[in-house]
N, C-alpha and C. Protein backbone atom coordinates (compact mmCIF):
# COMPACT_ATOMS: atom_id res chain seq x y z
N MET A 1 136.78 101.13 106.69
CA MET A 1 137.10 99.94 107.40
C MET A 1 136.02 99.29 107.37
N SER A 2 136.16 97.95 107.44
CA SER A 2 135.33 96.84 107.29
C SER A 2 135.63 95.58 108.02
N SER A 3 134.49 94.98 108.71
CA SER A 3 134.94 93.78 109.16
C SER A 3 134.25 92.48 108.76
N LYS A 4 135.05 91.31 108.91
CA LYS A 4 134.30 90.14 108.44
C LYS A 4 133.13 89.46 109.22
N GLY A 5 133.13 90.10 110.46
CA GLY A 5 132.16 89.35 111.54
C GLY A 5 130.73 89.18 110.84
N SER A 6 130.25 88.08 111.25
CA SER A 6 128.68 88.00 110.65
C SER A 6 127.62 87.83 111.82
N ASN A 7 127.90 88.21 113.03
CA ASN A 7 127.24 88.16 114.02
C ASN A 7 126.31 89.36 114.09
N TYR A 8 125.30 89.19 114.78
CA TYR A 8 124.43 90.29 115.07
C TYR A 8 125.13 91.26 115.87
N GLY A 9 124.85 92.62 115.09
CA GLY A 9 125.27 93.76 115.89
C GLY A 9 126.55 94.16 115.58
N ASP A 10 127.50 93.43 114.77
CA ASP A 10 129.15 93.58 114.31
C ASP A 10 128.69 94.93 113.17
N ILE A 11 129.53 95.49 113.29
CA ILE A 11 129.86 96.75 112.37
C ILE A 11 130.44 95.80 110.83
N HIS A 12 129.54 96.14 109.94
CA HIS A 12 130.05 95.46 108.66
C HIS A 12 130.61 96.50 107.79
N ARG A 13 130.27 97.86 107.85
CA ARG A 13 130.94 98.79 107.05
C ARG A 13 130.93 100.18 107.99
N TYR A 14 132.14 100.79 107.98
CA TYR A 14 132.25 102.23 108.60
C TYR A 14 132.98 103.04 107.91
N GLU A 15 132.24 104.06 107.50
CA GLU A 15 133.32 105.03 106.51
C GLU A 15 132.85 106.48 107.71
N PRO A 16 133.93 107.11 107.89
CA PRO A 16 134.12 108.31 108.58
C PRO A 16 133.61 109.42 107.85
N ALA A 17 132.88 110.57 108.80
CA ALA A 17 132.43 111.59 107.99
C ALA A 17 133.40 112.52 107.29
N ARG A 18 133.10 113.33 106.46
CA ARG A 18 134.12 114.21 105.64
C ARG A 18 134.19 115.43 106.51
N GLU A 19 133.40 116.02 107.42
CA GLU A 19 133.64 117.26 108.29
C GLU A 19 134.29 118.53 107.37
N SER A 20 133.61 118.81 106.15
CA SER A 20 134.04 119.99 105.57
C SER A 20 133.75 121.10 106.33
N THR A 21 134.86 122.18 106.30
CA THR A 21 134.87 123.44 106.63
C THR A 21 133.60 124.27 105.77
N ALA A 22 133.59 123.97 104.49
CA ALA A 22 132.26 124.61 103.67
C ALA A 22 130.91 124.50 104.25
N ALA A 23 130.72 123.19 104.95
CA ALA A 23 129.27 122.61 105.34
C ALA A 23 129.44 123.25 106.52
N SER A 24 130.22 123.26 107.37
CA SER A 24 129.92 124.01 108.87
C SER A 24 129.83 125.40 108.63
N ILE A 25 130.53 126.18 107.69
CA ILE A 25 130.14 127.59 107.52
C ILE A 25 128.70 127.84 107.01
N ALA A 26 128.31 126.71 106.23
CA ALA A 26 126.82 126.57 105.72
C ALA A 26 125.85 126.74 106.82
N ILE A 27 125.96 125.72 107.69
CA ILE A 27 125.40 125.37 108.68
C ILE A 27 125.08 126.77 109.70
N VAL A 28 126.26 127.19 109.85
CA VAL A 28 126.29 128.34 110.83
C VAL A 28 125.45 129.31 110.09
N LEU A 29 125.70 130.09 108.98
CA LEU A 29 124.78 131.00 108.28
C LEU A 29 123.24 130.29 108.19
N LEU A 30 122.97 129.11 107.74
CA LEU A 30 121.64 128.78 107.99
C LEU A 30 120.98 129.02 109.35
N THR A 31 121.78 128.65 110.19
CA THR A 31 121.17 128.89 111.53
C THR A 31 120.94 130.36 112.04
N PHE A 32 121.96 131.07 111.46
CA PHE A 32 121.67 132.48 111.86
C PHE A 32 120.26 132.85 110.93
N ILE A 33 120.11 132.53 109.78
CA ILE A 33 119.14 132.76 109.05
C ILE A 33 117.71 132.24 109.98
N GLU A 34 117.83 131.12 110.42
CA GLU A 34 116.78 130.32 111.00
C GLU A 34 116.19 131.28 111.98
N ILE A 35 117.34 131.86 112.87
CA ILE A 35 116.88 132.73 113.95
C ILE A 35 116.31 133.90 113.72
N VAL A 36 116.77 134.58 112.63
CA VAL A 36 116.04 135.85 111.88
C VAL A 36 114.46 135.56 111.68
N PHE A 37 114.23 134.23 111.01
CA PHE A 37 112.90 134.18 110.62
C PHE A 37 112.27 133.84 111.64
N VAL A 38 112.79 133.10 112.81
CA VAL A 38 111.74 132.80 114.09
C VAL A 38 111.65 133.98 114.88
N ALA A 39 112.41 135.03 114.75
CA ALA A 39 112.45 136.36 115.67
C ALA A 39 111.12 137.05 114.65
N VAL A 40 111.08 136.98 113.62
CA VAL A 40 110.16 137.54 112.71
C VAL A 40 108.88 137.13 112.93
N PHE A 41 108.85 135.81 112.91
CA PHE A 41 107.42 135.02 113.03
C PHE A 41 106.93 135.37 114.58
N ALA A 42 107.85 135.21 115.29
CA ALA A 42 107.51 135.46 116.78
C ALA A 42 106.61 137.06 117.03
N TYR A 43 107.54 137.92 116.23
CA TYR A 43 107.09 139.22 116.50
C TYR A 43 105.78 139.47 115.51
N GLY A 44 105.63 138.66 114.64
CA GLY A 44 104.31 138.53 113.85
C GLY A 44 103.30 138.34 114.78
N LEU A 45 103.51 137.34 115.38
CA LEU A 45 102.35 136.86 116.27
C LEU A 45 102.15 137.49 117.36
N VAL A 46 103.06 138.40 117.99
CA VAL A 46 102.82 139.11 119.34
C VAL A 46 101.98 140.42 118.67
N ALA A 47 102.57 140.85 117.31
CA ALA A 47 101.87 142.40 117.05
C ALA A 47 100.58 142.01 116.31
N GLY A 48 100.09 140.79 116.13
CA GLY A 48 98.70 140.48 115.81
C GLY A 48 98.37 140.36 114.31
N TRP A 49 99.61 140.00 113.57
CA TRP A 49 99.42 139.81 112.27
C TRP A 49 98.50 138.69 111.62
N GLY A 50 98.25 137.91 112.46
CA GLY A 50 97.16 136.88 112.08
C GLY A 50 95.68 137.24 112.06
N ARG A 51 95.32 138.16 112.56
CA ARG A 51 94.10 138.78 112.43
C ARG A 51 93.53 139.37 110.93
N ASP A 52 94.68 139.55 110.08
CA ASP A 52 94.29 140.10 108.85
C ASP A 52 94.40 138.91 107.93
N PRO A 53 93.85 138.63 106.86
CA PRO A 53 93.91 137.33 105.75
C PRO A 53 95.24 137.57 105.46
N ILE A 54 96.01 138.52 104.94
CA ILE A 54 96.97 138.86 104.47
C ILE A 54 98.25 138.74 105.38
N GLY A 55 98.17 139.16 106.43
CA GLY A 55 99.13 138.67 107.48
C GLY A 55 99.11 137.57 107.85
N ASN A 56 98.16 136.76 107.69
CA ASN A 56 97.88 135.06 108.31
C ASN A 56 98.77 134.45 107.22
N MET A 57 98.65 134.68 105.86
CA MET A 57 99.51 134.19 105.06
C MET A 57 100.91 134.48 105.11
N TYR A 58 101.15 135.86 105.43
CA TYR A 58 102.70 135.98 105.60
C TYR A 58 103.14 135.00 107.07
N LEU A 59 102.46 134.98 108.00
CA LEU A 59 102.90 134.21 108.89
C LEU A 59 102.97 132.64 108.47
N GLY A 60 101.99 132.22 107.56
CA GLY A 60 102.13 130.55 107.11
C GLY A 60 103.40 130.61 106.20
N PHE A 61 103.54 131.53 105.54
CA PHE A 61 105.03 131.90 104.66
C PHE A 61 106.15 131.60 105.48
N LEU A 62 106.20 132.11 106.48
CA LEU A 62 107.26 132.44 107.39
C LEU A 62 107.58 131.22 108.05
N LEU A 63 106.59 130.30 108.66
CA LEU A 63 106.42 129.22 109.19
C LEU A 63 107.10 128.17 108.32
N ALA A 64 106.69 128.14 106.82
CA ALA A 64 107.04 127.32 105.96
C ALA A 64 108.58 127.61 105.68
N VAL A 65 109.29 128.87 105.68
CA VAL A 65 110.51 128.91 105.21
C VAL A 65 111.18 128.51 106.66
N ILE A 66 110.71 128.64 107.85
CA ILE A 66 111.45 128.34 108.99
C ILE A 66 111.72 126.70 108.58
N PHE A 67 110.71 125.84 108.51
CA PHE A 67 110.83 124.71 108.57
C PHE A 67 111.75 124.12 107.30
N ILE A 68 111.64 124.70 105.98
CA ILE A 68 112.82 124.28 105.06
C ILE A 68 114.18 124.73 105.18
N ASP A 69 114.29 125.87 105.95
CA ASP A 69 115.64 126.01 106.58
C ASP A 69 116.06 125.10 107.43
N LEU A 70 115.27 124.59 108.50
CA LEU A 70 115.81 123.72 109.60
C LEU A 70 116.09 122.42 108.70
N SER A 71 115.25 122.23 107.58
CA SER A 71 115.64 121.05 106.98
C SER A 71 116.74 120.88 106.37
N PHE A 72 117.18 121.96 105.71
CA PHE A 72 118.66 121.92 104.95
C PHE A 72 119.59 121.95 106.04
N VAL A 73 119.48 122.59 107.03
CA VAL A 73 120.31 122.48 108.25
C VAL A 73 120.52 120.81 108.83
N LEU A 74 119.72 120.25 108.85
CA LEU A 74 119.57 119.09 109.37
C LEU A 74 120.21 117.99 108.18
N LEU A 75 119.96 118.20 107.02
CA LEU A 75 120.35 117.73 105.81
C LEU A 75 122.17 117.61 105.72
N LEU A 76 122.39 118.94 105.71
CA LEU A 76 123.84 119.01 105.77
C LEU A 76 124.67 118.34 106.91
N TYR A 77 123.85 118.46 108.16
CA TYR A 77 124.62 117.75 109.25
C TYR A 77 124.67 116.51 109.07
N ARG A 78 123.47 115.89 108.71
CA ARG A 78 123.67 114.36 108.29
C ARG A 78 124.52 113.86 107.40
N LYS A 79 124.73 114.77 106.29
CA LYS A 79 125.47 114.41 105.28
C LYS A 79 126.82 114.28 105.48
N GLU A 80 127.40 115.65 106.07
CA GLU A 80 128.61 115.98 106.25
C GLU A 80 129.40 115.60 107.70
N PHE A 81 128.45 115.41 108.93
CA PHE A 81 129.35 115.26 109.96
C PHE A 81 128.63 113.87 110.72
N LEU A 82 127.91 113.12 110.00
CA LEU A 82 127.57 111.88 110.86
C LEU A 82 128.22 110.53 109.83
N PRO A 83 128.94 109.61 110.38
CA PRO A 83 129.74 108.29 109.92
C PRO A 83 128.69 107.47 109.12
N ASP A 84 128.88 106.74 108.24
CA ASP A 84 128.19 105.86 107.32
C ASP A 84 128.57 104.54 108.00
N VAL A 85 127.44 103.99 108.66
CA VAL A 85 127.65 102.75 109.48
C VAL A 85 126.68 101.71 108.78
N MET A 86 127.26 100.68 108.56
CA MET A 86 126.19 99.37 108.36
C MET A 86 126.39 98.14 109.35
N ILE A 87 125.37 97.96 109.89
CA ILE A 87 125.49 96.89 111.04
C ILE A 87 124.79 95.78 110.51
N VAL A 88 125.53 94.66 110.92
CA VAL A 88 124.87 93.23 110.53
C VAL A 88 123.78 92.90 111.03
N LYS A 89 122.43 92.80 110.31
CA LYS A 89 121.20 92.91 111.12
C LYS A 89 120.53 91.09 110.30
N LYS A 90 119.61 90.64 111.36
CA LYS A 90 119.07 89.33 110.86
C LYS A 90 118.25 89.57 109.79
N ARG A 91 118.06 88.84 108.53
CA ARG A 91 117.52 88.75 107.74
C ARG A 91 115.94 87.92 107.87
N ARG A 92 115.18 88.81 107.14
CA ARG A 92 113.69 88.21 107.44
C ARG A 92 113.22 87.87 106.19
N ARG A 93 112.40 87.00 105.52
CA ARG A 93 112.01 86.48 104.47
C ARG A 93 110.95 87.78 104.02
N LYS A 94 111.00 87.83 102.76
CA LYS A 94 110.04 89.07 102.32
C LYS A 94 108.18 88.90 102.47
N TRP A 95 107.92 87.72 102.96
CA TRP A 95 106.33 87.38 103.10
C TRP A 95 106.16 87.59 104.82
N GLU A 96 107.42 87.46 105.34
CA GLU A 96 106.83 87.23 106.84
C GLU A 96 106.79 88.57 107.40
N ASP A 97 105.60 88.65 108.30
CA ASP A 97 105.33 89.85 108.96
C ASP A 97 106.33 90.00 110.00
N LEU A 98 106.33 91.37 110.26
CA LEU A 98 107.36 91.66 111.30
C LEU A 98 107.04 91.15 112.98
N TYR A 99 105.75 91.04 113.16
CA TYR A 99 105.39 90.41 114.56
C TYR A 99 105.46 88.72 114.68
N VAL A 100 105.92 88.18 113.54
CA VAL A 100 106.09 86.73 113.74
C VAL A 100 107.26 86.30 114.42
N ARG A 101 107.06 85.44 115.46
CA ARG A 101 108.14 85.01 116.25
C ARG A 101 108.76 83.74 115.36
N GLU A 102 109.82 83.38 115.81
CA GLU A 102 110.62 82.42 114.88
C GLU A 102 109.98 80.99 115.12
N ASP A 103 109.58 80.60 116.27
CA ASP A 103 108.48 79.31 116.30
C ASP A 103 107.39 79.36 115.43
N GLN A 104 106.67 80.70 115.39
CA GLN A 104 105.52 80.75 114.21
C GLN A 104 105.89 80.97 112.94
N ALA A 105 107.01 80.90 112.37
CA ALA A 105 107.51 81.45 111.08
C ALA A 105 106.65 80.33 110.13
N ASP A 106 106.48 79.01 110.12
CA ASP A 106 106.00 78.14 109.31
C ASP A 106 104.60 78.38 109.48
N GLY A 107 104.15 78.60 110.47
CA GLY A 107 102.27 78.85 110.56
C GLY A 107 102.06 77.60 111.39
N VAL A 108 100.81 77.78 111.87
CA VAL A 108 100.00 76.55 112.76
C VAL A 108 98.93 75.84 111.71
N SER A 109 98.27 74.93 112.11
CA SER A 109 97.27 74.38 111.65
C SER A 109 95.99 74.99 112.06
N ALA A 110 95.27 75.13 111.00
CA ALA A 110 93.84 75.77 111.56
C ALA A 110 92.70 75.09 112.37
N MET A 111 93.02 73.91 111.98
CA MET A 111 91.88 72.79 112.68
C MET A 111 92.50 72.00 113.47
N GLY A 112 93.87 72.06 114.17
CA GLY A 112 94.62 70.96 114.83
C GLY A 112 93.94 71.05 116.09
N ASP A 113 93.65 72.40 116.79
CA ASP A 113 93.41 72.40 118.12
C ASP A 113 92.12 72.26 118.49
N THR A 114 91.34 72.65 117.19
CA THR A 114 89.75 72.87 117.33
C THR A 114 89.31 71.24 117.47
N VAL A 115 89.88 70.18 116.65
CA VAL A 115 89.59 68.75 116.85
C VAL A 115 89.64 68.20 118.11
N GLU A 116 90.72 68.52 118.73
CA GLU A 116 91.08 68.05 120.07
C GLU A 116 90.11 68.71 121.14
N GLN A 117 89.41 69.65 120.97
CA GLN A 117 88.59 70.47 121.64
C GLN A 117 87.28 69.94 121.57
N LEU A 118 86.76 69.58 120.17
CA LEU A 118 85.60 68.85 119.86
C LEU A 118 85.25 67.77 120.54
N LYS A 119 86.55 66.67 120.32
CA LYS A 119 86.59 65.35 121.00
C LYS A 119 86.28 65.59 122.50
N LYS A 120 86.96 66.39 123.28
CA LYS A 120 86.83 66.68 124.65
C LYS A 120 85.20 66.91 124.85
N ALA A 121 84.70 67.76 124.09
CA ALA A 121 83.50 68.20 124.66
C ALA A 121 82.65 67.06 124.20
N VAL A 122 82.53 66.12 122.96
CA VAL A 122 81.70 64.90 122.98
C VAL A 122 81.83 63.90 124.19
N TYR A 123 83.23 63.54 124.06
CA TYR A 123 83.57 62.54 125.11
C TYR A 123 84.65 63.05 126.17
N PRO A 124 84.01 63.33 127.56
CA PRO A 124 84.88 64.05 128.17
C PRO A 124 85.87 63.11 128.95
N TYR A 125 85.86 61.79 128.90
CA TYR A 125 87.04 60.74 129.52
C TYR A 125 87.83 60.54 128.16
N TYR A 126 88.09 61.42 127.07
CA TYR A 126 88.59 61.13 126.05
C TYR A 126 90.46 61.39 126.52
N LYS A 127 91.31 60.24 126.23
CA LYS A 127 92.36 60.37 126.59
C LYS A 127 93.52 60.45 125.26
N LYS A 128 94.30 61.28 125.46
CA LYS A 128 95.31 61.52 124.22
C LYS A 128 95.92 60.37 123.89
């Protein structure tokens, strides 16, 4: 489904999510594995595995596996259960800084205001 609107915020393209059963089963299994690894990591912290250099490496390995497993869960969820939506946004020129306002897009004169300030300082009764 797509719309022809070109106003800012209009939905340009909308593709619904696939929502496959295999992905949902994989997410449930990965979540169960995540819970098991978190439980083993928590037990290792309470048991004091971190005092021994080998145990400390084991805890680090468990923590890495926990985050990698979590990343796969989030990857599957984003890929299979979130719709693909493209929204019309305002185009910016490549050289334009993100913090430039529209009225300052062309820039300002470097010496424009300085010359006027110098004239007022030299001759206080200067009229524009």
